[in-house]
């Protein structure tokens, strides 16, 4: 159930507020750990995405590009919180969270 773990982590990280106040030392340290964990998740997802793992008859597959976009979005939110350039409105776009893609059949059945 790695996808469930990744989804829970991404959703919990998405709750990081990007308001304009300065983060405490403790919070900066914790958010630095979040960024490190995002790097680890990104590497694990890249390893899992290897083409040799795909089964030709799978009906669904994991949407790795969407996961990478969400990780980048979270990373940018944490970074903008830690070093805001100026007070700006929050980006209202939400994470998708659905990483299952329908795959097309390899060959149409006769």
PDB file of N, CA and C in Angstrom:
ATOM      1  N   UNK A   1       0.796  -1.186   0.000  1.00  0.00           N
ATOM      2  CA  UNK A   1       0.000   0.000   0.000  1.00  0.00           C
ATOM      3  C   UNK A   1       0.856   1.275   0.000  1.00  0.00           C
ATOM      4  N   UNK A   2       1.966   1.300  -0.769  1.00  0.00           N
ATOM      5  CA  UNK A   2       2.780   2.509  -0.787  1.00  0.00           C
ATOM      6  C   UNK A   2       2.020   3.724  -1.293  1.00  0.00           C
ATOM      7  N   UNK A   3       1.066   3.532  -2.190  1.00  0.00           N
ATOM      8  CA  UNK A   3       0.336   4.687  -2.710  1.00  0.00           C
ATOM      9  C   UNK A   3      -0.496   5.341  -1.619  1.00  0.00           C
ATOM     10  N   UNK A   4      -1.030   4.560  -0.692  1.00  0.00           N
ATOM     11  CA  UNK A   4      -1.790   5.119   0.410  1.00  0.00           C
ATOM     12  C   UNK A   4      -0.890   5.940   1.312  1.00  0.00           C
ATOM     13  N   UNK A   5       0.301   5.450   1.574  1.00  0.00           N
ATOM     14  CA  UNK A   5       1.258   6.175   2.400  1.00  0.00           C
ATOM     15  C   UNK A   5       1.654   7.479   1.724  1.00  0.00           C
ATOM     16  N   UNK A   6       1.947   7.412   0.430  1.00  0.00           N
ATOM     17  CA  UNK A   6       2.337   8.619  -0.302  1.00  0.00           C
ATOM     18  C   UNK A   6       1.195   9.621  -0.295  1.00  0.00           C
ATOM     19  N   UNK A   7      -0.027   9.150  -0.537  1.00  0.00           N
ATOM     20  CA  UNK A   7      -1.176  10.061  -0.563  1.00  0.00           C
ATOM     21  C   UNK A   7      -1.372  10.732   0.787  1.00  0.00           C
ATOM     22  N   UNK A   8      -1.277   9.967   1.879  1.00  0.00           N
ATOM     23  CA  UNK A   8      -1.441  10.543   3.218  1.00  0.00           C
ATOM     24  C   UNK A   8      -0.370  11.585   3.499  1.00  0.00           C
ATOM     25  N   UNK A   9       0.872  11.275   3.127  1.00  0.00           N
ATOM     26  CA  UNK A   9       1.956  12.228   3.355  1.00  0.00           C
ATOM     27  C   UNK A   9       1.731  13.493   2.540  1.00  0.00           C
ATOM     28  N   UNK A  10       1.354  13.345   1.285  1.00  0.00           N
ATOM     29  CA  UNK A  10       1.129  14.519   0.440  1.00  0.00           C
ATOM     30  C   UNK A  10      -0.015  15.368   0.966  1.00  0.00           C
ATOM     31  N   UNK A  11      -1.087  14.738   1.402  1.00  0.00           N
ATOM     32  CA  UNK A  11      -2.210  15.502   1.921  1.00  0.00           C
ATOM     33  C   UNK A  11      -1.854  16.207   3.219  1.00  0.00           C
ATOM     34  N   UNK A  12      -1.075  15.549   4.068  1.00  0.00           N
ATOM     35  CA  UNK A  12      -0.682  16.205   5.314  1.00  0.00           C
ATOM     36  C   UNK A  12       0.285  17.349   5.046  1.00  0.00           C
ATOM     37  N   UNK A  13       1.153  17.173   4.056  1.00  0.00           N
ATOM     38  CA  UNK A  13       2.081  18.248   3.724  1.00  0.00           C
ATOM     39  C   UNK A  13       1.387  19.408   3.028  1.00  0.00           C
ATOM     40  N   UNK A  14       0.289  19.149   2.360  1.00  0.00           N
ATOM     41  CA  UNK A  14      -0.450  20.197   1.664  1.00  0.00           C
ATOM     42  C   UNK A  14      -1.077  21.178   2.643  1.00  0.00           C
ATOM     43  N   UNK A  15      -1.207  20.778   3.886  1.00  0.00           N
ATOM     44  CA  UNK A  15      -1.817  21.639   4.888  1.00  0.00           C
ATOM     45  C   UNK A  15      -0.869  22.721   5.386  1.00  0.00           C
ATOM     46  N   UNK A  16       0.376  22.731   4.937  1.00  0.00           N
ATOM     47  CA  UNK A  16       1.338  23.746   5.367  1.00  0.00           C
ATOM     48  C   UNK A  16       0.838  25.106   4.898  1.00  0.00           C
ATOM     49  N   UNK A  17       0.672  26.017   5.829  1.00  0.00           N
ATOM     50  CA  UNK A  17       0.149  27.340   5.525  1.00  0.00           C
ATOM     51  C   UNK A  17       1.265  28.213   4.963  1.00  0.00           C
ATOM     52  N   UNK A  18       0.965  29.012   3.944  1.00  0.00           N
ATOM     53  CA  UNK A  18       1.984  29.875   3.349  1.00  0.00           C
ATOM     54  C   UNK A  18       1.739  31.332   3.699  1.00  0.00           C
ATOM     55  N   UNK A  19       1.332  31.604   4.942  1.00  0.00           N
ATOM     56  CA  UNK A  19       1.121  32.989   5.349  1.00  0.00           C
ATOM     57  C   UNK A  19       2.459  33.686   5.539  1.00  0.00           C
ATOM     58  N   UNK A  20       2.428  35.005   5.781  1.00  0.00           N
ATOM     59  CA  UNK A  20       3.634  35.802   5.721  1.00  0.00           C
ATOM     60  C   UNK A  20       4.435  35.929   7.004  1.00  0.00           C
ATOM     61  N   UNK A  21       4.130  35.232   8.084  1.00  0.00           N
ATOM     62  CA  UNK A  21       4.927  35.402   9.292  1.00  0.00           C
ATOM     63  C   UNK A  21       6.164  34.510   9.256  1.00  0.00           C
ATOM     64  N   UNK A  22       7.173  34.911  10.014  1.00  0.00           N
ATOM     65  CA  UNK A  22       8.435  34.167  10.026  1.00  0.00           C
ATOM     66  C   UNK A  22       8.283  32.875  10.819  1.00  0.00           C
ATOM     67  N   UNK A  23       8.866  31.817  10.307  1.00  0.00           N
ATOM     68  CA  UNK A  23       8.802  30.523  10.973  1.00  0.00           C
ATOM     69  C   UNK A  23       9.810  30.479  12.125  1.00  0.00           C
ATOM     70  N   UNK A  24       9.448  29.776  13.200  1.00  0.00           N
ATOM     71  CA  UNK A  24      10.368  29.599  14.313  1.00  0.00           C
ATOM     72  C   UNK A  24      11.496  28.656  13.898  1.00  0.00           C
ATOM     73  N   UNK A  25      12.547  28.616  14.696  1.00  0.00           N
ATOM     74  CA  UNK A  25      13.660  27.702  14.392  1.00  0.00           C
ATOM     75  C   UNK A  25      13.192  26.254  14.363  1.00  0.00           C
ATOM     76  N   UNK A  26      12.336  25.900  15.313  1.00  0.00           N
ATOM     77  CA  UNK A  26      11.818  24.541  15.354  1.00  0.00           C
ATOM     78  C   UNK A  26      11.041  24.231  14.081  1.00  0.00           C
ATOM     79  N   UNK A  27      10.160  25.158  13.705  1.00  0.00           N
ATOM     80  CA  UNK A  27       9.342  24.949  12.516  1.00  0.00           C
ATOM     81  C   UNK A  27      10.207  24.899  11.260  1.00  0.00           C
ATOM     82  N   UNK A  28      11.217  25.731  11.182  1.00  0.00           N
ATOM     83  CA  UNK A  28      12.131  25.697  10.030  1.00  0.00           C
ATOM     84  C   UNK A  28      12.826  24.349   9.937  1.00  0.00           C
ATOM     85  N   UNK A  29      13.243  23.813  11.084  1.00  0.00           N
ATOM     86  CA  UNK A  29      13.885  22.501  11.103  1.00  0.00           C
ATOM     87  C   UNK A  29      12.941  21.405  10.652  1.00  0.00           C
ATOM     88  N   UNK A  30      11.699  21.463  11.139  1.00  0.00           N
ATOM     89  CA  UNK A  30      10.701  20.457  10.762  1.00  0.00           C
ATOM     90  C   UNK A  30      10.375  20.544   9.269  1.00  0.00           C
ATOM     91  N   UNK A  31      10.248  21.750   8.748  1.00  0.00           N
ATOM     92  CA  UNK A  31       9.948  21.909   7.329  1.00  0.00           C
ATOM     93  C   UNK A  31      11.136  21.519   6.458  1.00  0.00           C
ATOM     94  N   UNK A  32      12.325  21.671   6.991  1.00  0.00           N
ATOM     95  CA  UNK A  32      13.507  21.186   6.278  1.00  0.00           C
ATOM     96  C   UNK A  32      13.452  19.665   6.157  1.00  0.00           C
ATOM     97  N   UNK A  33      13.001  19.004   7.217  1.00  0.00           N
ATOM     98  CA  UNK A  33      12.809  17.551   7.171  1.00  0.00           C
ATOM     99  C   UNK A  33      11.729  17.172   6.160  1.00  0.00           C
ATOM    100  N   UNK A  34      10.675  17.959   6.083  1.00  0.00           N
ATOM    101  CA  UNK A  34       9.615  17.715   5.100  1.00  0.00           C
ATOM    102  C   UNK A  34      10.204  17.763   3.695  1.00  0.00           C
ATOM    103  N   UNK A  35      11.041  18.765   3.436  1.00  0.00           N
ATOM    104  CA  UNK A  35      11.658  18.888   2.115  1.00  0.00           C
ATOM    105  C   UNK A  35      12.550  17.681   1.813  1.00  0.00           C
ATOM    106  N   UNK A  36      13.278  17.202   2.804  1.00  0.00           N
ATOM    107  CA  UNK A  36      14.111  16.013   2.609  1.00  0.00           C
ATOM    108  C   UNK A  36      13.244  14.792   2.307  1.00  0.00           C
ATOM    109  N   UNK A  37      12.119  14.677   3.005  1.00  0.00           N
ATOM    110  CA  UNK A  37      11.215  13.555   2.766  1.00  0.00           C
ATOM    111  C   UNK A  37      10.594  13.634   1.372  1.00  0.00           C
ATOM    112  N   UNK A  38      10.314  14.839   0.910  1.00  0.00           N
ATOM    113  CA  UNK A  38       9.806  14.997  -0.455  1.00  0.00           C
ATOM    114  C   UNK A  38      10.841  14.522  -1.468  1.00  0.00           C
ATOM    115  N   UNK A  39      12.113  14.820  -1.218  1.00  0.00           N
ATOM    116  CA  UNK A  39      13.181  14.345  -2.106  1.00  0.00           C
ATOM    117  C   UNK A  39      13.228  12.818  -2.126  1.00  0.00           C
ATOM    118  N   UNK A  40      13.067  12.209  -0.966  1.00  0.00           N
ATOM    119  CA  UNK A  40      13.083  10.745  -0.875  1.00  0.00           C
ATOM    120  C   UNK A  40      11.888  10.154  -1.623  1.00  0.00           C
ATOM    121  N   UNK A  41      10.708  10.738  -1.414  1.00  0.00           N
ATOM    122  CA  UNK A  41       9.511  10.245  -2.109  1.00  0.00           C
ATOM    123  C   UNK A  41       9.697  10.371  -3.613  1.00  0.00           C
ATOM    124  N   UNK A  42      10.265  11.471  -4.050  1.00  0.00           N
ATOM    125  CA  UNK A  42      10.490  11.679  -5.479  1.00  0.00           C
ATOM    126  C   UNK A  42      11.425  10.614  -6.053  1.00  0.00           C
ATOM    127  N   UNK A  43      12.486  10.295  -5.326  1.00  0.00           N
ATOM    128  CA  UNK A  43      13.417   9.253  -5.786  1.00  0.00           C
ATOM    129  C   UNK A  43      12.751   7.884  -5.804  1.00  0.00           C
ATOM    130  N   UNK A  44      11.979   7.570  -4.762  1.00  0.00           N
ATOM    131  CA  UNK A  44      11.283   6.276  -4.716  1.00  0.00           C
ATOM    132  C   UNK A  44      10.278   6.151  -5.854  1.00  0.00           C
ATOM    133  N   UNK A  45       9.575   7.218  -6.143  1.00  0.00           N
ATOM    134  CA  UNK A  45       8.601   7.190  -7.241  1.00  0.00           C
ATOM    135  C   UNK A  45       9.311   7.016  -8.577  1.00  0.00           C
ATOM    136  N   UNK A  46      10.464   7.655  -8.743  1.00  0.00           N
ATOM    137  CA  UNK A  46      11.227   7.507  -9.992  1.00  0.00           C
ATOM    138  C   UNK A  46      11.693   6.062 -10.158  1.00  0.00           C
ATOM    139  N   UNK A  47      12.108   5.431  -9.066  1.00  0.00           N
ATOM    140  CA  UNK A  47      12.525   4.034  -9.135  1.00  0.00           C
ATOM    141  C   UNK A  47      11.342   3.124  -9.456  1.00  0.00           C
ATOM    142  N   UNK A  48      10.189   3.416  -8.871  1.00  0.00           N
ATOM    143  CA  UNK A  48       9.003   2.584  -9.089  1.00  0.00           C
ATOM    144  C   UNK A  48       8.454   2.739 -10.497  1.00  0.00           C
ATOM    145  N   UNK A  49       8.772   3.840 -11.148  1.00  0.00           N
ATOM    146  CA  UNK A  49       8.228   4.134 -12.473  1.00  0.00           C
ATOM    147  C   UNK A  49       8.955   3.402 -13.595  1.00  0.00           C
ATOM    148  N   UNK A  50       9.983   2.670 -13.290  1.00  0.00           N
ATOM    149  CA  UNK A  50      10.765   2.014 -14.337  1.00  0.00           C
ATOM    150  C   UNK A  50       9.867   1.229 -15.278  1.00  0.00           C
ATOM    151  N   UNK A  51      10.097   1.363 -16.589  1.00  0.00           N
ATOM    152  CA  UNK A  51       9.221   0.732 -17.576  1.00  0.00           C
ATOM    153  C   UNK A  51       9.152  -0.789 -17.471  1.00  0.00           C
ATOM    154  N   UNK A  52      10.168  -1.443 -16.961  1.00  0.00           N
ATOM    155  CA  UNK A  52      10.171  -2.895 -16.857  1.00  0.00           C
ATOM    156  C   UNK A  52       9.139  -3.431 -15.882  1.00  0.00           C
ATOM    157  N   UNK A  53       8.627  -2.582 -14.994  1.00  0.00           N
ATOM    158  CA  UNK A  53       7.646  -3.016 -13.994  1.00  0.00           C
ATOM    159  C   UNK A  53       6.223  -3.052 -14.535  1.00  0.00           C
ATOM    160  N   UNK A  54       5.973  -2.445 -15.676  1.00  0.00           N
ATOM    161  CA  UNK A  54       4.615  -2.368 -16.217  1.00  0.00           C
ATOM    162  C   UNK A  54       4.180  -3.723 -16.764  1.00  0.00           C
ATOM    163  N   UNK A  55       2.982  -4.102 -16.426  1.00  0.00           N
ATOM    164  CA  UNK A  55       2.386  -5.337 -16.937  1.00  0.00           C
ATOM    165  C   UNK A  55       1.524  -4.971 -18.143  1.00  0.00           C
ATOM    166  N   UNK A  56       1.633  -5.698 -19.234  1.00  0.00           N
ATOM    167  CA  UNK A  56       0.899  -5.318 -20.450  1.00  0.00           C
ATOM    168  C   UNK A  56      -0.619  -5.396 -20.326  1.00  0.00           C
ATOM    169  N   UNK A  57      -1.143  -6.213 -19.445  1.00  0.00           N
ATOM    170  CA  UNK A  57      -2.585  -6.388 -19.346  1.00  0.00           C
ATOM    171  C   UNK A  57      -3.205  -5.664 -18.158  1.00  0.00           C
ATOM    172  N   UNK A  58      -2.487  -4.716 -17.558  1.00  0.00           N
ATOM    173  CA  UNK A  58      -3.022  -3.981 -16.422  1.00  0.00           C
ATOM    174  C   UNK A  58      -4.121  -3.031 -16.876  1.00  0.00           C
ATOM    175  N   UNK A  59      -5.175  -2.984 -16.096  1.00  0.00           N
ATOM    176  CA  UNK A  59      -6.266  -2.067 -16.432  1.00  0.00           C
ATOM    177  C   UNK A  59      -5.944  -0.661 -15.958  1.00  0.00           C
ATOM    178  N   UNK A  60      -5.275  -0.546 -14.824  1.00  0.00           N
ATOM    179  CA  UNK A  60      -4.919   0.749 -14.265  1.00  0.00           C
ATOM    180  C   UNK A  60      -3.417   0.803 -14.052  1.00  0.00           C
ATOM    181  N   UNK A  61      -2.901   2.005 -14.059  1.00  0.00           N
ATOM    182  CA  UNK A  61      -1.500   2.199 -13.701  1.00  0.00           C
ATOM    183  C   UNK A  61      -1.394   3.475 -12.881  1.00  0.00           C
ATOM    184  N   UNK A  62      -0.312   3.614 -12.167  1.00  0.00           N
ATOM    185  CA  UNK A  62      -0.102   4.770 -11.299  1.00  0.00           C
ATOM    186  C   UNK A  62       0.324   5.960 -12.136  1.00  0.00           C
ATOM    187  N   UNK A  63      -0.219   7.135 -11.834  1.00  0.00           N
ATOM    188  CA  UNK A  63       0.075   8.355 -12.586  1.00  0.00           C
ATOM    189  C   UNK A  63       1.277   9.066 -11.949  1.00  0.00           C
ATOM    190  N   UNK A  64       2.471   8.619 -12.314  1.00  0.00           N
ATOM    191  CA  UNK A  64       3.703   9.184 -11.750  1.00  0.00           C
ATOM    192  C   UNK A  64       3.915  10.648 -12.120  1.00  0.00           C
ATOM    193  N   UNK A  65       3.616  11.084 -13.342  1.00  0.00           N
ATOM    194  CA  UNK A  65       3.785  12.509 -13.649  1.00  0.00           C
ATOM    195  C   UNK A  65       2.912  13.406 -12.764  1.00  0.00           C
ATOM    196  N   UNK A  66       1.690  12.984 -12.466  1.00  0.00           N
ATOM    197  CA  UNK A  66       0.826  13.789 -11.594  1.00  0.00           C
ATOM    198  C   UNK A  66       1.386  13.836 -10.181  1.00  0.00           C
ATOM    199  N   UNK A  67       1.910  12.711  -9.705  1.00  0.00           N
ATOM    200  CA  UNK A  67       2.541  12.685  -8.390  1.00  0.00           C
ATOM    201  C   UNK A  67       3.719  13.645  -8.350  1.00  0.00           C
ATOM    202  N   UNK A  68       4.547  13.647  -9.390  1.00  0.00           N
ATOM    203  CA  UNK A  68       5.705  14.544  -9.439  1.00  0.00           C
ATOM    204  C   UNK A  68       5.264  16.006  -9.409  1.00  0.00           C
ATOM    205  N   UNK A  69       4.174  16.325 -10.107  1.00  0.00           N
ATOM    206  CA  UNK A  69       3.652  17.702 -10.098  1.00  0.00           C
ATOM    207  C   UNK A  69       3.183  18.095  -8.695  1.00  0.00           C
ATOM    208  N   UNK A  70       2.501  17.185  -8.006  1.00  0.00           N
ATOM    209  CA  UNK A  70       2.019  17.481  -6.660  1.00  0.00           C
ATOM    210  C   UNK A  70       3.177  17.642  -5.677  1.00  0.00           C
ATOM    211  N   UNK A  71       4.197  16.813  -5.803  1.00  0.00           N
ATOM    212  CA  UNK A  71       5.372  16.941  -4.939  1.00  0.00           C
ATOM    213  C   UNK A  71       6.025  18.302  -5.166  1.00  0.00           C
ATOM    214  N   UNK A  72       6.151  18.697  -6.424  1.00  0.00           N
ATOM    215  CA  UNK A  72       6.755  19.995  -6.737  1.00  0.00           C
ATOM    216  C   UNK A  72       5.904  21.129  -6.167  1.00  0.00           C
ATOM    217  N   UNK A  73       4.608  21.000  -6.242  1.00  0.00           N
ATOM    218  CA  UNK A  73       3.703  22.022  -5.715  1.00  0.00           C
ATOM    219  C   UNK A  73       3.862  22.159  -4.203  1.00  0.00           C
ATOM    220  N   UNK A  74       3.954  21.031  -3.504  1.00  0.00           N
ATOM    221  CA  UNK A  74       4.154  21.065  -2.057  1.00  0.00           C
ATOM    222  C   UNK A  74       5.514  21.679  -1.740  1.00  0.00           C
ATOM    223  N   UNK A  75       6.543  21.271  -2.474  1.00  0.00           N
ATOM    224  CA  UNK A  75       7.888  21.808  -2.259  1.00  0.00           C
ATOM    225  C   UNK A  75       7.889  23.332  -2.414  1.00  0.00           C
ATOM    226  N   UNK A  76       7.219  23.834  -3.442  1.00  0.00           N
ATOM    227  CA  UNK A  76       7.159  25.277  -3.664  1.00  0.00           C
ATOM    228  C   UNK A  76       6.406  25.979  -2.531  1.00  0.00           C
ATOM    229  N   UNK A  77       5.336  25.356  -2.024  1.00  0.00           N
ATOM    230  CA  UNK A  77       4.594  25.941  -0.915  1.00  0.00           C
ATOM    231  C   UNK A  77       5.432  26.043   0.348  1.00  0.00           C
ATOM    232  N   UNK A  78       6.181  24.990   0.654  1.00  0.00           N
ATOM    233  CA  UNK A  78       7.049  25.011   1.836  1.00  0.00           C
ATOM    234  C   UNK A  78       8.130  26.069   1.659  1.00  0.00           C
ATOM    235  N   UNK A  79       8.741  26.108   0.475  1.00  0.00           N
ATOM    236  CA  UNK A  79       9.820  27.070   0.226  1.00  0.00           C
ATOM    237  C   UNK A  79       9.308  28.507   0.292  1.00  0.00           C
ATOM    238  N   UNK A  80       8.131  28.765  -0.259  1.00  0.00           N
ATOM    239  CA  UNK A  80       7.604  30.135  -0.223  1.00  0.00           C
ATOM    240  C   UNK A  80       7.218  30.533   1.195  1.00  0.00           C
ATOM    241  N   UNK A  81       6.854  29.560   2.021  1.00  0.00           N
ATOM    242  CA  UNK A  81       6.570  29.855   3.422  1.00  0.00           C
ATOM    243  C   UNK A  81       7.847  30.198   4.173  1.00  0.00           C
ATOM    244  N   UNK A  82       8.905  29.438   3.921  1.00  0.00           N
ATOM    245  CA  UNK A  82      10.162  29.644   4.636  1.00  0.00           C
ATOM    246  C   UNK A  82      10.855  30.934   4.218  1.00  0.00           C
ATOM    247  N   UNK A  83      10.700  31.340   2.966  1.00  0.00           N
ATOM    248  CA  UNK A  83      11.340  32.569   2.512  1.00  0.00           C
ATOM    249  C   UNK A  83      10.386  33.347   1.599  1.00  0.00           C
ATOM    250  N   UNK A  84       9.366  33.954   2.206  1.00  0.00           N
ATOM    251  CA  UNK A  84       8.396  34.694   1.397  1.00  0.00           C
ATOM    252  C   UNK A  84       9.026  35.964   0.825  1.00  0.00           C
ATOM    253  N   UNK A  85       8.710  36.266  -0.436  1.00  0.00           N
ATOM    254  CA  UNK A  85       9.239  37.477  -1.048  1.00  0.00           C
ATOM    255  C   UNK A  85       8.407  38.681  -0.626  1.00  0.00           C
ATOM    256  N   UNK A  86       7.114  38.491  -0.512  1.00  0.00           N
ATOM    257  CA  UNK A  86       6.197  39.519  -0.027  1.00  0.00           C
ATOM    258  C   UNK A  86       4.852  38.853   0.211  1.00  0.00           C
ATOM    259  N   UNK A  87       3.979  39.537   0.884  1.00  0.00           N
ATOM    260  CA  UNK A  87       2.657  38.965   1.142  1.00  0.00           C
ATOM    261  C   UNK A  87       1.900  38.833  -0.176  1.00  0.00           C
ATOM    262  N   UNK A  88       1.462  37.633  -0.460  1.00  0.00           N
ATOM    263  CA  UNK A  88       0.728  37.357  -1.690  1.00  0.00           C
ATOM    264  C   UNK A  88      -0.457  36.472  -1.353  1.00  0.00           C
ATOM    265  N   UNK A  89      -1.488  36.555  -2.176  1.00  0.00           N
ATOM    266  CA  UNK A  89      -2.625  35.644  -1.936  1.00  0.00           C
ATOM    267  C   UNK A  89      -2.208  34.205  -2.177  1.00  0.00           C
ATOM    268  N   UNK A  90      -2.836  33.302  -1.464  1.00  0.00           N
ATOM    269  CA  UNK A  90      -2.536  31.883  -1.631  1.00  0.00           C
ATOM    270  C   UNK A  90      -3.043  31.395  -2.972  1.00  0.00           C
ATOM    271  N   UNK A  91      -2.354  30.421  -3.514  1.00  0.00           N
ATOM    272  CA  UNK A  91      -2.765  29.793  -4.767  1.00  0.00           C
ATOM    273  C   UNK A  91      -3.937  28.862  -4.467  1.00  0.00           C
ATOM    274  N   UNK A  92      -5.118  29.104  -5.059  1.00  0.00           N
ATOM    275  CA  UNK A  92      -6.286  28.308  -4.706  1.00  0.00           C
ATOM    276  C   UNK A  92      -6.346  26.925  -5.348  1.00  0.00           C
ATOM    277  N   UNK A  93      -5.404  26.566  -6.209  1.00  0.00           N
ATOM    278  CA  UNK A  93      -5.450  25.266  -6.874  1.00  0.00           C
ATOM    279  C   UNK A  93      -5.120  24.174  -5.866  1.00  0.00           C
ATOM    280  N   UNK A  94      -5.955  23.151  -5.837  1.00  0.00           N
ATOM    281  CA  UNK A  94      -5.766  22.056  -4.893  1.00  0.00           C
ATOM    282  C   UNK A  94      -5.050  20.895  -5.569  1.00  0.00           C
ATOM    283  N   UNK A  95      -4.459  20.036  -4.746  1.00  0.00           N
ATOM    284  CA  UNK A  95      -3.846  18.816  -5.263  1.00  0.00           C
ATOM    285  C   UNK A  95      -4.938  17.897  -5.782  1.00  0.00           C
ATOM    286  N   UNK A  96      -4.604  17.142  -6.787  1.00  0.00           N
ATOM    287  CA  UNK A  96      -5.581  16.237  -7.373  1.00  0.00           C
ATOM    288  C   UNK A  96      -5.765  15.021  -6.477  1.00  0.00           C
ATOM    289  N   UNK A  97      -4.686  14.357  -6.117  1.00  0.00           N
ATOM    290  CA  UNK A  97      -4.750  13.222  -5.209  1.00  0.00           C
ATOM    291  C   UNK A  97      -5.181  11.913  -5.834  1.00  0.00           C
ATOM    292  N   UNK A  98      -5.617  11.900  -7.070  1.00  0.00           N
ATOM    293  CA  UNK A  98      -6.031  10.669  -7.738  1.00  0.00           C
ATOM    294  C   UNK A  98      -4.931  10.289  -8.716  1.00  0.00           C
ATOM    295  N   UNK A  99      -4.225   9.210  -8.436  1.00  0.00           N
ATOM    296  CA  UNK A  99      -3.057   8.838  -9.225  1.00  0.00           C
ATOM    297  C   UNK A  99      -3.272   7.559 -10.028  1.00  0.00           C
ATOM    298  N   UNK A 100      -4.501   7.165 -10.249  1.00  0.00           N
ATOM    299  CA  UNK A 100      -4.784   5.958 -11.007  1.00  0.00           C
ATOM    300  C   UNK A 100      -5.197   6.349 -12.422  1.00  0.00           C
ATOM    301  N   UNK A 101      -4.531   5.759 -13.401  1.00  0.00           N
ATOM    302  CA  UNK A 101      -4.848   5.993 -14.806  1.00  0.00           C
ATOM    303  C   UNK A 101      -5.413   4.721 -15.412  1.00  0.00           C
ATOM    304  N   UNK A 102      -6.420   4.859 -16.245  1.00  0.00           N
ATOM    305  CA  UNK A 102      -6.908   3.715 -17.015  1.00  0.00           C
ATOM    306  C   UNK A 102      -5.953   3.494 -18.162  1.00  0.00           C
ATOM    307  N   UNK A 103      -5.589   2.255 -18.399  1.00  0.00           N
ATOM    308  CA  UNK A 103      -4.719   1.956 -19.535  1.00  0.00           C
ATOM    309  C   UNK A 103      -5.545   1.397 -20.666  1.00  0.00           C
ATOM    310  N   UNK A 104      -5.133   1.713 -21.868  1.00  0.00           N
ATOM    311  CA  UNK A 104      -5.838   1.214 -23.038  1.00  0.00           C
ATOM    312  C   UNK A 104      -5.365  -0.195 -23.344  1.00  0.00           C
ATOM    313  N   UNK A 105      -6.226  -1.052 -23.863  1.00  0.00           N
ATOM    314  CA  UNK A 105      -5.781  -2.394 -24.228  1.00  0.00           C
ATOM    315  C   UNK A 105      -4.687  -2.327 -25.280  1.00  0.00           C
ATOM    316  N   UNK A 106      -3.723  -3.233 -25.193  1.00  0.00           N
ATOM    317  CA  UNK A 106      -2.605  -3.260 -26.143  1.00  0.00           C
ATOM    318  C   UNK A 106      -3.095  -3.483 -27.551  1.00  0.00           C
ATOM    319  N   UNK A 107      -3.989  -4.429 -27.748  1.00  0.00           N
ATOM    320  CA  UNK A 107      -4.530  -4.730 -29.073  1.00  0.00           C
ATOM    321  C   UNK A 107      -6.036  -4.919 -28.937  1.00  0.00           C
ATOM    322  N   UNK A 108      -6.802  -4.425 -29.888  1.00  0.00           N
ATOM    323  CA  UNK A 108      -8.231  -4.668 -29.820  1.00  0.00           C
ATOM    324  C   UNK A 108      -8.531  -6.160 -30.039  1.00  0.00           C
ATOM    325  N   UNK A 109      -9.471  -6.653 -29.285  1.00  0.00           N
ATOM    326  CA  UNK A 109      -9.819  -8.066 -29.417  1.00  0.00           C
ATOM    327  C   UNK A 109     -10.679  -8.259 -30.670  1.00  0.00           C
ATOM    328  N   UNK A 110     -10.443  -9.342 -31.414  1.00  0.00           N
ATOM    329  CA  UNK A 110     -11.176  -9.564 -32.666  1.00  0.00           C
ATOM    330  C   UNK A 110     -12.615  -9.955 -32.457  1.00  0.00           C
TER     331      UNK A 110
END
